[in-house]
C-alpha atoms as a PDB file:
ATOM      1  CA  MET A   1      -8.407  17.821  -9.280  1.00  0.00           C
ATOM      2  CA  ASP A   2      -6.904  19.795 -12.170  1.00  0.00           C
ATOM      3  CA  ASN A   3      -4.410  18.493 -14.723  1.00  0.00           C
ATOM      4  CA  ILE A   4      -1.397  19.881 -12.829  1.00  0.00           C
ATOM      5  CA  SER A   5      -2.436  18.093  -9.620  1.00  0.00           C
ATOM      6  CA  ASN A   6      -2.991  14.858 -11.530  1.00  0.00           C
ATOM      7  CA  ALA A   7       0.451  15.167 -13.126  1.00  0.00           C
ATOM      8  CA  ILE A   8       2.050  15.658  -9.690  1.00  0.00           C
ATOM      9  CA  LEU A   9       0.229  12.597  -8.361  1.00  0.00           C
ATOM     10  CA  ALA A  10       1.388  10.438 -11.255  1.00  0.00           C
ATOM     11  CA  LEU A  11       4.960  11.748 -11.037  1.00  0.00           C
ATOM     12  CA  SER A  12       5.130  11.119  -7.289  1.00  0.00           C
ATOM     13  CA  LEU A  13       4.118   7.495  -7.740  1.00  0.00           C
ATOM     14  CA  ILE A  14       6.556   6.987 -10.632  1.00  0.00           C
ATOM     15  CA  ILE A  15       9.419   8.315  -8.481  1.00  0.00           C
ATOM     16  CA  ILE A  16       8.443   6.075  -5.558  1.00  0.00           C
ATOM     17  CA  MET A  17       8.250   2.996  -7.801  1.00  0.00           C
ATOM     18  CA  PHE A  18      11.564   3.885  -9.466  1.00  0.00           C
ATOM     19  CA  GLY A  19      13.137   4.165  -6.010  1.00  0.00           C
ATOM     20  CA  MET A  20      11.861   0.706  -5.119  1.00  0.00           C
ATOM     21  CA  GLY A  21      13.362  -0.653  -8.339  1.00  0.00           C
ATOM     22  CA  LEU A  22      16.762   0.728  -7.347  1.00  0.00           C
ATOM     23  CA  SER A  23      16.689  -1.517  -4.254  1.00  0.00           C
ATOM     24  CA  LEU A  24      15.670  -4.671  -6.161  1.00  0.00           C
ATOM     25  CA  ASN A  25      17.523  -7.236  -8.212  1.00  0.00           C
ATOM     26  CA  THR A  26      16.619 -10.593  -9.724  1.00  0.00           C
ATOM     27  CA  LYS A  27      18.031 -12.379  -6.667  1.00  0.00           C
ATOM     28  CA  ASP A  28      15.214 -10.908  -4.571  1.00  0.00           C
ATOM     29  CA  PHE A  29      12.665 -12.794  -6.642  1.00  0.00           C
ATOM     30  CA  VAL A  30      14.469 -16.092  -5.988  1.00  0.00           C
ATOM     31  CA  GLU A  31      13.110 -15.730  -2.425  1.00  0.00           C
ATOM     32  CA  VAL A  32       9.725 -16.736  -3.811  1.00  0.00           C
ATOM     33  CA  PHE A  33      11.028 -20.218  -4.575  1.00  0.00           C
ATOM     34  CA  VAL A  34      13.344 -20.505  -1.586  1.00  0.00           C
ATOM     35  CA  ARG A  35      10.586 -19.873   0.971  1.00  0.00           C
ATOM     36  CA  PRO A  36       7.228 -20.280  -0.759  1.00  0.00           C
ATOM     37  CA  LYS A  37       5.233 -20.752   2.458  1.00  0.00           C
ATOM     38  CA  ALA A  38       5.993 -17.263   3.795  1.00  0.00           C
ATOM     39  CA  VAL A  39       5.354 -15.649   0.408  1.00  0.00           C
ATOM     40  CA  LEU A  40       2.041 -17.480  -0.081  1.00  0.00           C
ATOM     41  CA  ILE A  41       0.811 -16.513   3.387  1.00  0.00           C
ATOM     42  CA  GLY A  42       1.791 -12.906   2.745  1.00  0.00           C
ATOM     43  CA  LEU A  43      -0.021 -12.847  -0.606  1.00  0.00           C
ATOM     44  CA  VAL A  44      -3.160 -14.388   0.906  1.00  0.00           C
ATOM     45  CA  CYS A  45      -3.145 -11.643   3.555  1.00  0.00           C
ATOM     46  CA  GLN A  46      -2.740  -8.871   0.976  1.00  0.00           C
ATOM     47  CA  LEU A  47      -4.857 -10.094  -1.911  1.00  0.00           C
ATOM     48  CA  VAL A  48      -7.617 -12.108  -0.203  1.00  0.00           C
ATOM     49  CA  LEU A  49      -8.009 -11.271   3.479  1.00  0.00           C
ATOM     50  CA  LEU A  50      -7.429  -7.510   3.152  1.00  0.00           C
ATOM     51  CA  PRO A  51     -10.346  -7.026   0.693  1.00  0.00           C
ATOM     52  CA  ILE A  52     -12.588  -9.342   2.741  1.00  0.00           C
ATOM     53  CA  ILE A  53     -11.861  -7.376   5.914  1.00  0.00           C
ATOM     54  CA  GLY A  54     -12.378  -4.083   4.055  1.00  0.00           C
ATOM     55  CA  PHE A  55     -15.784  -5.078   2.672  1.00  0.00           C
ATOM     56  CA  SER A  56     -16.814  -6.458   6.078  1.00  0.00           C
ATOM     57  CA  LEU A  57     -15.951  -3.167   7.800  1.00  0.00           C
ATOM     58  CA  ILE A  58     -18.041  -1.232   5.277  1.00  0.00           C
ATOM     59  CA  ALA A  59     -21.062  -3.306   6.311  1.00  0.00           C
ATOM     60  CA  VAL A  60     -20.319  -3.049  10.038  1.00  0.00           C
ATOM     61  CA  PHE A  61     -19.635   0.708  10.149  1.00  0.00           C
ATOM     62  CA  MET A  62     -22.493   1.738   7.786  1.00  0.00           C
ATOM     63  CA  LEU A  63     -20.268   4.325   6.099  1.00  0.00           C
ATOM     64  CA  PRO A  64     -21.175   7.172   3.740  1.00  0.00           C
ATOM     65  CA  ALA A  65     -20.572   6.232   0.098  1.00  0.00           C
ATOM     66  CA  GLU A  66     -17.438   8.352  -0.430  1.00  0.00           C
ATOM     67  CA  ILE A  67     -15.785   6.975   2.721  1.00  0.00           C
ATOM     68  CA  ALA A  68     -16.808   3.389   1.907  1.00  0.00           C
ATOM     69  CA  ILE A  69     -15.347   3.605  -1.600  1.00  0.00           C
ATOM     70  CA  GLY A  70     -12.145   4.970  -0.065  1.00  0.00           C
ATOM     71  CA  VAL A  71     -12.004   1.838   2.132  1.00  0.00           C
ATOM     72  CA  VAL A  72     -12.482  -0.318  -0.987  1.00  0.00           C
ATOM     73  CA  ILE A  73      -9.601   1.506  -2.702  1.00  0.00           C
ATOM     74  CA  MET A  74      -7.270   0.897   0.254  1.00  0.00           C
ATOM     75  CA  ALA A  75      -8.345  -2.760   0.437  1.00  0.00           C
ATOM     76  CA  ALA A  76      -7.385  -3.128  -3.229  1.00  0.00           C
ATOM     77  CA  CYS A  77      -3.948  -1.484  -2.931  1.00  0.00           C
ATOM     78  CA  PRO A  78      -0.772  -3.535  -2.443  1.00  0.00           C
ATOM     79  CA  GLY A  79       1.844  -2.776   0.182  1.00  0.00           C
ATOM     80  CA  GLY A  80       3.904   0.124  -1.115  1.00  0.00           C
ATOM     81  CA  PRO A  81       7.637   0.807  -0.874  1.00  0.00           C
ATOM     82  CA  THR A  82       7.017   2.365   2.553  1.00  0.00           C
ATOM     83  CA  SER A  83       6.370  -1.144   3.879  1.00  0.00           C
ATOM     84  CA  ASN A  84       9.919  -2.154   2.929  1.00  0.00           C
ATOM     85  CA  LEU A  85      11.379   0.759   4.905  1.00  0.00           C
ATOM     86  CA  ILE A  86       9.179   0.040   7.928  1.00  0.00           C
ATOM     87  CA  THR A  87      10.104  -3.658   7.764  1.00  0.00           C
ATOM     88  CA  HIS A  88      13.773  -2.682   7.831  1.00  0.00           C
ATOM     89  CA  LEU A  89      13.229  -0.401  10.847  1.00  0.00           C
ATOM     90  CA  ALA A  90      11.226  -3.144  12.568  1.00  0.00           C
ATOM     91  CA  ASN A  91      14.080  -5.638  12.009  1.00  0.00           C
ATOM     92  CA  GLY A  92      11.802  -7.848   9.926  1.00  0.00           C
ATOM     93  CA  ASP A  93      12.711  -9.980   6.925  1.00  0.00           C
ATOM     94  CA  THR A  94      13.413  -7.247   4.366  1.00  0.00           C
ATOM     95  CA  ALA A  95      13.984  -9.650   1.458  1.00  0.00           C
ATOM     96  CA  LEU A  96      10.557 -11.204   2.077  1.00  0.00           C
ATOM     97  CA  SER A  97       8.981  -7.745   2.281  1.00  0.00           C
ATOM     98  CA  VAL A  98      10.556  -6.618  -0.998  1.00  0.00           C
ATOM     99  CA  SER A  99       9.506  -9.845  -2.750  1.00  0.00           C
ATOM    100  CA  LEU A 100       5.916  -9.502  -1.505  1.00  0.00           C
ATOM    101  CA  THR A 101       5.762  -5.854  -2.571  1.00  0.00           C
ATOM    102  CA  ALA A 102       7.077  -6.650  -6.046  1.00  0.00           C
ATOM    103  CA  ILE A 103       4.842  -9.698  -6.616  1.00  0.00           C
ATOM    104  CA  SER A 104       1.685  -8.068  -5.245  1.00  0.00           C
ATOM    105  CA  SER A 105       2.318  -4.998  -7.411  1.00  0.00           C
ATOM    106  CA  LEU A 106       2.258  -7.253 -10.476  1.00  0.00           C
ATOM    107  CA  ILE A 107      -0.817  -9.229  -9.392  1.00  0.00           C
ATOM    108  CA  THR A 108      -2.769  -6.083  -8.518  1.00  0.00           C
ATOM    109  CA  LEU A 109      -2.696  -5.069 -12.169  1.00  0.00           C
ATOM    110  CA  ILE A 110      -5.620  -7.495 -12.361  1.00  0.00           C
ATOM    111  CA  THR A 111      -7.049  -7.360  -8.830  1.00  0.00           C
ATOM    112  CA  ILE A 112      -7.256  -3.547  -8.450  1.00  0.00           C
ATOM    113  CA  PRO A 113      -9.849  -2.980 -11.205  1.00  0.00           C
ATOM    114  CA  PHE A 114     -11.746  -6.132 -10.210  1.00  0.00           C
ATOM    115  CA  ILE A 115     -12.005  -5.211  -6.500  1.00  0.00           C
ATOM    116  CA  ILE A 116     -12.814  -1.552  -7.179  1.00  0.00           C
ATOM    117  CA  ASN A 117     -15.495  -2.404  -9.730  1.00  0.00           C
ATOM    118  CA  LEU A 118     -16.971  -4.858  -7.213  1.00  0.00           C
ATOM    119  CA  GLY A 119     -16.811  -2.163  -4.529  1.00  0.00           C
ATOM    120  CA  LEU A 120     -18.479   0.454  -6.718  1.00  0.00           C
ATOM    121  CA  GLN A 121     -21.337  -1.942  -7.415  1.00  0.00           C
ATOM    122  CA  TYR A 122     -21.579  -2.936  -3.741  1.00  0.00           C
ATOM    123  CA  VAL A 123     -21.589   0.640  -2.396  1.00  0.00           C
ATOM    124  CA  LEU A 124     -23.393   2.573  -5.154  1.00  0.00           C
ATOM    125  CA  GLY A 125     -25.672  -0.186  -6.435  1.00  0.00           C
ATOM    126  CA  GLU A 126     -26.099  -2.006  -9.715  1.00  0.00           C
ATOM    127  CA  GLY A 127     -27.451   1.061 -11.483  1.00  0.00           C
ATOM    128  CA  THR A 128     -24.477   3.329 -10.762  1.00  0.00           C
ATOM    129  CA  LEU A 129     -23.134   5.375 -13.656  1.00  0.00           C
ATOM    130  CA  ILE A 130     -19.579   5.314 -12.247  1.00  0.00           C
ATOM    131  CA  GLN A 131     -17.585   2.589 -13.932  1.00  0.00           C
ATOM    132  CA  LEU A 132     -13.872   1.888 -13.907  1.00  0.00           C
ATOM    133  CA  ASP A 133     -12.372   1.213 -17.329  1.00  0.00           C
ATOM    134  CA  ILE A 134     -10.483  -2.011 -16.612  1.00  0.00           C
ATOM    135  CA  ALA A 135      -8.273  -1.851 -19.714  1.00  0.00           C
ATOM    136  CA  ALA A 136      -7.352   1.782 -19.033  1.00  0.00           C
ATOM    137  CA  THR A 137      -6.699   1.013 -15.357  1.00  0.00           C
ATOM    138  CA  ILE A 138      -4.394  -1.873 -16.185  1.00  0.00           C
ATOM    139  CA  MET A 139      -2.509   0.284 -18.681  1.00  0.00           C
ATOM    140  CA  GLN A 140      -2.121   3.219 -16.261  1.00  0.00           C
ATOM    141  CA  VAL A 141      -0.999   1.019 -13.369  1.00  0.00           C
ATOM    142  CA  PHE A 142       1.463  -0.695 -15.730  1.00  0.00           C
ATOM    143  CA  ILE A 143       2.925   2.636 -16.853  1.00  0.00           C
ATOM    144  CA  ILE A 144       3.016   4.201 -13.382  1.00  0.00           C
ATOM    145  CA  VAL A 145       4.083   1.136 -11.359  1.00  0.00           C
ATOM    146  CA  ILE A 146       5.714  -1.642 -13.372  1.00  0.00           C
ATOM    147  CA  LEU A 147       7.806   0.339 -15.865  1.00  0.00           C
ATOM    148  CA  PRO A 148       9.514   2.566 -13.234  1.00  0.00           C
ATOM    149  CA  VAL A 149      10.327  -0.501 -11.101  1.00  0.00           C
ATOM    150  CA  ALA A 150      11.762  -2.314 -14.121  1.00  0.00           C
ATOM    151  CA  PHE A 151      13.826   0.730 -15.100  1.00  0.00           C
ATOM    152  CA  GLY A 152      15.150   1.073 -11.538  1.00  0.00           C
ATOM    153  CA  MET A 153      16.180  -2.604 -11.514  1.00  0.00           C
ATOM    154  CA  LEU A 154      17.837  -2.261 -14.926  1.00  0.00           C
ATOM    155  CA  LEU A 155      19.774   0.801 -13.773  1.00  0.00           C
ATOM    156  CA  LYS A 156      20.935  -1.035 -10.654  1.00  0.00           C
ATOM    157  CA  ALA A 157      22.090  -4.008 -12.744  1.00  0.00           C
ATOM    158  CA  LYS A 158      23.968  -1.849 -15.257  1.00  0.00           C
ATOM    159  CA  LYS A 159      25.302   0.853 -12.931  1.00  0.00           C
ATOM    160  CA  PRO A 160      25.185  -0.429  -9.336  1.00  0.00           C
ATOM    161  CA  ASP A 161      27.349   2.370  -7.899  1.00  0.00           C
ATOM    162  CA  PHE A 162      25.173   5.072  -9.427  1.00  0.00           C
ATOM    163  CA  ALA A 163      22.001   3.286  -8.286  1.00  0.00           C
ATOM    164  CA  LEU A 164      23.357   3.117  -4.729  1.00  0.00           C
ATOM    165  CA  LYS A 165      24.044   6.868  -4.751  1.00  0.00           C
ATOM    166  CA  MET A 166      20.570   7.572  -6.091  1.00  0.00           C
ATOM    167  CA  GLU A 167      18.652   5.510  -3.512  1.00  0.00           C
ATOM    168  CA  LYS A 168      18.642   8.091  -0.703  1.00  0.00           C
ATOM    169  CA  PRO A 169      17.809  11.156  -2.865  1.00  0.00           C
ATOM    170  CA  VAL A 170      14.992   9.251  -4.585  1.00  0.00           C
ATOM    171  CA  LYS A 171      13.551   8.110  -1.233  1.00  0.00           C
ATOM    172  CA  ARG A 172      13.664  11.697   0.042  1.00  0.00           C
ATOM    173  CA  ALA A 173      11.971  12.941  -3.119  1.00  0.00           C
ATOM    174  CA  SER A 174       9.301  10.252  -2.682  1.00  0.00           C
ATOM    175  CA  GLY A 175       8.600  11.471   0.834  1.00  0.00           C
ATOM    176  CA  ILE A 176       8.364  15.088  -0.310  1.00  0.00           C
ATOM    177  CA  PHE A 177       5.969  14.211  -3.121  1.00  0.00           C
ATOM    178  CA  PHE A 178       3.801  12.153  -0.774  1.00  0.00           C
ATOM    179  CA  VAL A 179       3.524  15.118   1.599  1.00  0.00           C
ATOM    180  CA  LEU A 180       2.623  17.403  -1.333  1.00  0.00           C
ATOM    181  CA  VAL A 181      -0.062  14.975  -2.465  1.00  0.00           C
ATOM    182  CA  LEU A 182      -1.445  14.717   1.055  1.00  0.00           C
ATOM    183  CA  VAL A 183      -1.494  18.507   1.480  1.00  0.00           C
ATOM    184  CA  ALA A 184      -3.213  18.931  -1.907  1.00  0.00           C
ATOM    185  CA  VAL A 185      -5.995  16.513  -0.970  1.00  0.00           C
ATOM    186  CA  ILE A 186      -6.436  18.086   2.478  1.00  0.00           C
ATOM    187  CA  ALA A 187      -6.536  21.588   0.960  1.00  0.00           C
ATOM    188  CA  LYS A 188      -9.113  20.496  -1.596  1.00  0.00           C
ATOM    189  CA  GLU A 189     -11.373  18.966   1.058  1.00  0.00           C
ATOM    190  CA  ARG A 190     -10.511  21.334   3.944  1.00  0.00           C
ATOM    191  CA  ALA A 191     -14.113  22.442   4.467  1.00  0.00           C
ATOM    192  CA  LEU A 192     -15.166  18.869   5.279  1.00  0.00           C
ATOM    193  CA  LEU A 193     -11.836  17.625   6.662  1.00  0.00           C
ATOM    194  CA  PHE A 194     -12.831  17.362  10.335  1.00  0.00           C
ATOM    195  CA  SER A 195     -16.033  15.574   9.367  1.00  0.00           C
ATOM    196  CA  TYR A 196     -14.117  13.126   7.145  1.00  0.00           C
ATOM    197  CA  ILE A 197     -11.570  12.378   9.882  1.00  0.00           C
ATOM    198  CA  GLN A 198     -14.465  11.637  12.218  1.00  0.00           C
ATOM    199  CA  GLN A 199     -16.034   9.315   9.649  1.00  0.00           C
ATOM    200  CA  ALA A 200     -12.893   7.723   8.145  1.00  0.00           C
ATOM    201  CA  GLY A 201     -10.564   7.701  11.147  1.00  0.00           C
ATOM    202  CA  LEU A 202     -12.043   4.821  13.131  1.00  0.00           C
ATOM    203  CA  VAL A 203     -12.618   2.518  10.153  1.00  0.00           C
ATOM    204  CA  SER A 204      -9.110   3.273   8.830  1.00  0.00           C
ATOM    205  CA  LEU A 205      -7.551   2.498  12.205  1.00  0.00           C
ATOM    206  CA  THR A 206      -9.621  -0.697  12.505  1.00  0.00           C
ATOM    207  CA  LEU A 207      -8.657  -1.854   9.003  1.00  0.00           C
ATOM    208  CA  ASN A 208      -4.995  -1.143   9.705  1.00  0.00           C
ATOM    209  CA  ILE A 209      -4.843  -2.925  13.068  1.00  0.00           C
ATOM    210  CA  LEU A 210      -6.910  -5.930  11.934  1.00  0.00           C
ATOM    211  CA  THR A 211      -4.828  -6.563   8.810  1.00  0.00           C
ATOM    212  CA  MET A 212      -1.548  -6.247  10.697  1.00  0.00           C
ATOM    213  CA  GLY A 213      -2.843  -8.507  13.466  1.00  0.00           C
ATOM    214  CA  VAL A 214      -4.162 -11.149  11.070  1.00  0.00           C
ATOM    215  CA  GLY A 215      -0.845 -11.159   9.194  1.00  0.00           C
ATOM    216  CA  TYR A 216       1.182 -11.624  12.368  1.00  0.00           C
ATOM    217  CA  PHE A 217      -0.993 -14.394  13.837  1.00  0.00           C
ATOM    218  CA  LEU A 218      -1.183 -16.284  10.541  1.00  0.00           C
ATOM    219  CA  GLY A 219       2.606 -16.270  10.510  1.00  0.00           C
ATOM    220  CA  TYR A 220       2.553 -17.582  14.060  1.00  0.00           C
ATOM    221  CA  ALA A 221      -0.010 -20.294  13.217  1.00  0.00           C
ATOM    222  CA  PHE A 222       2.127 -21.504  10.293  1.00  0.00           C
ATOM    223  CA  HIS A 223       5.328 -21.486  12.386  1.00  0.00           C
ATOM    224  CA  LEU A 224       7.148 -18.759  10.480  1.00  0.00           C
ATOM    225  CA  SER A 225      10.143 -17.066  12.059  1.00  0.00           C
ATOM    226  CA  LEU A 226       9.612 -13.941  14.158  1.00  0.00           C
ATOM    227  CA  LYS A 227      11.146 -11.724  11.469  1.00  0.00           C
ATOM    228  CA  GLN A 228       8.899 -13.228   8.799  1.00  0.00           C
ATOM    229  CA  ARG A 229       5.853 -12.586  10.987  1.00  0.00           C
ATOM    230  CA  PHE A 230       6.883  -8.949  11.318  1.00  0.00           C
ATOM    231  CA  SER A 231       7.208  -8.640   7.529  1.00  0.00           C
ATOM    232  CA  ILE A 232       3.826 -10.211   6.768  1.00  0.00           C
ATOM    233  CA  ALA A 233       2.103  -8.071   9.423  1.00  0.00           C
ATOM    234  CA  ILE A 234       3.607  -4.905   7.929  1.00  0.00           C
ATOM    235  CA  GLU A 235       2.883  -5.910   4.323  1.00  0.00           C
ATOM    236  CA  GLY A 236      -0.722  -6.627   5.313  1.00  0.00           C
ATOM    237  CA  GLY A 237      -1.319  -3.337   7.117  1.00  0.00           C
ATOM    238  CA  ILE A 238       0.917  -0.785   5.378  1.00  0.00           C
ATOM    239  CA  GLN A 239      -0.785   0.006   2.081  1.00  0.00           C
ATOM    240  CA  ASN A 240       0.310   2.232  -0.797  1.00  0.00           C
ATOM    241  CA  GLY A 241      -1.459   5.437   0.177  1.00  0.00           C
ATOM    242  CA  THR A 242      -0.152   7.376  -2.820  1.00  0.00           C
ATOM    243  CA  LEU A 243      -1.535   4.732  -5.186  1.00  0.00           C
ATOM    244  CA  GLY A 244      -4.863   4.890  -3.349  1.00  0.00           C
ATOM    245  CA  ILE A 245      -5.020   8.676  -3.721  1.00  0.00           C
ATOM    246  CA  SER A 246      -4.031   8.382  -7.390  1.00  0.00           C
ATOM    247  CA  ILE A 247      -6.793   5.834  -8.077  1.00  0.00           C
ATOM    248  CA  ALA A 248      -9.379   8.074  -6.407  1.00  0.00           C
ATOM    249  CA  THR A 249      -8.357  11.301  -8.119  1.00  0.00           C
ATOM    250  CA  ILE A 250      -6.984  10.178 -11.495  1.00  0.00           C
ATOM    251  CA  LEU A 251      -9.021   7.064 -12.308  1.00  0.00           C
ATOM    252  CA  LEU A 252     -12.277   7.745 -10.443  1.00  0.00           C
ATOM    253  CA  GLN A 253     -11.865  11.550 -10.681  1.00  0.00           C
ATOM    254  CA  ASN A 254     -13.323  12.245  -7.250  1.00  0.00           C
ATOM    255  CA  THR A 255     -11.192  13.846  -4.517  1.00  0.00           C
ATOM    256  CA  ALA A 256     -13.763  12.857  -1.872  1.00  0.00           C
ATOM    257  CA  TYR A 257     -12.821   9.209  -2.488  1.00  0.00           C
ATOM    258  CA  ALA A 258      -9.194  10.126  -1.692  1.00  0.00           C
ATOM    259  CA  VAL A 259      -9.979  11.199   1.871  1.00  0.00           C
ATOM    260  CA  THR A 260      -9.957   7.665   3.309  1.00  0.00           C
ATOM    261  CA  PRO A 261      -6.581   6.803   1.656  1.00  0.00           C
ATOM    262  CA  ALA A 262      -5.202  10.110   2.975  1.00  0.00           C
ATOM    263  CA  VAL A 263      -6.496   9.472   6.519  1.00  0.00           C
ATOM    264  CA  TYR A 264      -5.282   5.859   6.333  1.00  0.00           C
ATOM    265  CA  GLY A 265      -1.861   7.072   5.155  1.00  0.00           C
ATOM    266  CA  ILE A 266      -1.539   9.275   8.239  1.00  0.00           C
ATOM    267  CA  ILE A 267      -2.803   6.672  10.708  1.00  0.00           C
ATOM    268  CA  MET A 268      -0.587   3.855   9.410  1.00  0.00           C
ATOM    269  CA  PHE A 269       2.557   5.842  10.198  1.00  0.00           C
ATOM    270  CA  PHE A 270       1.512   6.131  13.836  1.00  0.00           C
ATOM    271  CA  THR A 271       0.634   2.436  14.143  1.00  0.00           C
ATOM    272  CA  ALA A 272       3.852   1.563  12.280  1.00  0.00           C
ATOM    273  CA  GLY A 273       5.834   3.541  14.870  1.00  0.00           C
ATOM    274  CA  VAL A 274       4.227   1.556  17.677  1.00  0.00           C
ATOM    275  CA  PHE A 275       4.848  -1.695  15.791  1.00  0.00           C
ATOM    276  CA  ILE A 276       8.523  -0.832  15.204  1.00  0.00           C
ATOM    277  CA  TYR A 277       8.995  -0.202  18.935  1.00  0.00           C
ATOM    278  CA  TRP A 278       7.173  -3.427  19.867  1.00  0.00           C
ATOM    279  CA  SER A 279       8.951  -5.601  17.274  1.00  0.00           C
ATOM    280  CA  ASN A 280      12.421  -4.416  18.299  1.00  0.00           C
ATOM    281  CA  LYS A 281      11.574  -5.007  21.950  1.00  0.00           C
ATOM    282  CA  LYS A 282      10.213  -8.494  21.211  1.00  0.00           C
ATOM    283  CA  LEU A 283      13.272  -9.373  19.129  1.00  0.00           C
ATOM    284  CA  SER A 284      15.596  -8.203  21.923  1.00  0.00           C
ATOM    285  CA  GLU A 285      13.731 -10.398  24.408  1.00  0.00           C
ATOM    286  CA  GLN A 286      14.044 -13.386  22.059  1.00  0.00           C
ATOM    287  CA  ILE A 287      17.812 -12.831  21.734  1.00  0.00           C
ATOM    288  CA  LYS A 288      18.182 -12.595  25.530  1.00  0.00           C
ATOM    289  CA  ASN A 289      16.257 -15.822  26.023  1.00  0.00           C
END
């Protein structure tokens, strides 16, 4: 993609991360110590099981290289701010969701380059010329993700009324930018779009459903509350599609690698809608009983 497209991608992610910061405060991070079991299970789902499932699906589906690397990118991405919104709509534990998103975003400064480098070697072979500059990746993720979140939190702490007014406009702007990014990728790859949907659709849907299912049933196995199970399922299956597209186009400089994140980003909204309906129904039944 050209420099203008790359700038739009980076700006969209900065706005999304800033918007997440506006909804956070230091009290949210106290949740880590108040309920460590739920947080640890959520982090294991995101940072360990998600990549394992992603790499396993690559082997099972025998995917083309560009689609397989897209799966690796999505398996490396943390749950984005969208997961917090979906958790709220699903009546999950929003504080847990926000804490997991914030913590995983910090940890993935290290895990993203590690997983993607491993994926590039796994898919393209030891002799591949494509290498991810780990230092540059850490620096770019820090600038695009951590700094905007920190600034949003600082603004909320200093000017809470202004931050509250800004939350909705920033969320709307985030949605608009995401759509623009998605349209740009689709336009760039329009000649092969139907073929890519055929190749990436099933594996994206499988990855999404498996990670959400594993998150929910792990929460059940460890006797977490119903709302906590909802949160962990959503955090496991709703990944940061914009970050995935940015990694593919800005860091790896290959729009073909962005097709799987784009397809995944579309699919996860449909599965999230079904999950929201199911979770609200299940919660209503629990209240009645």
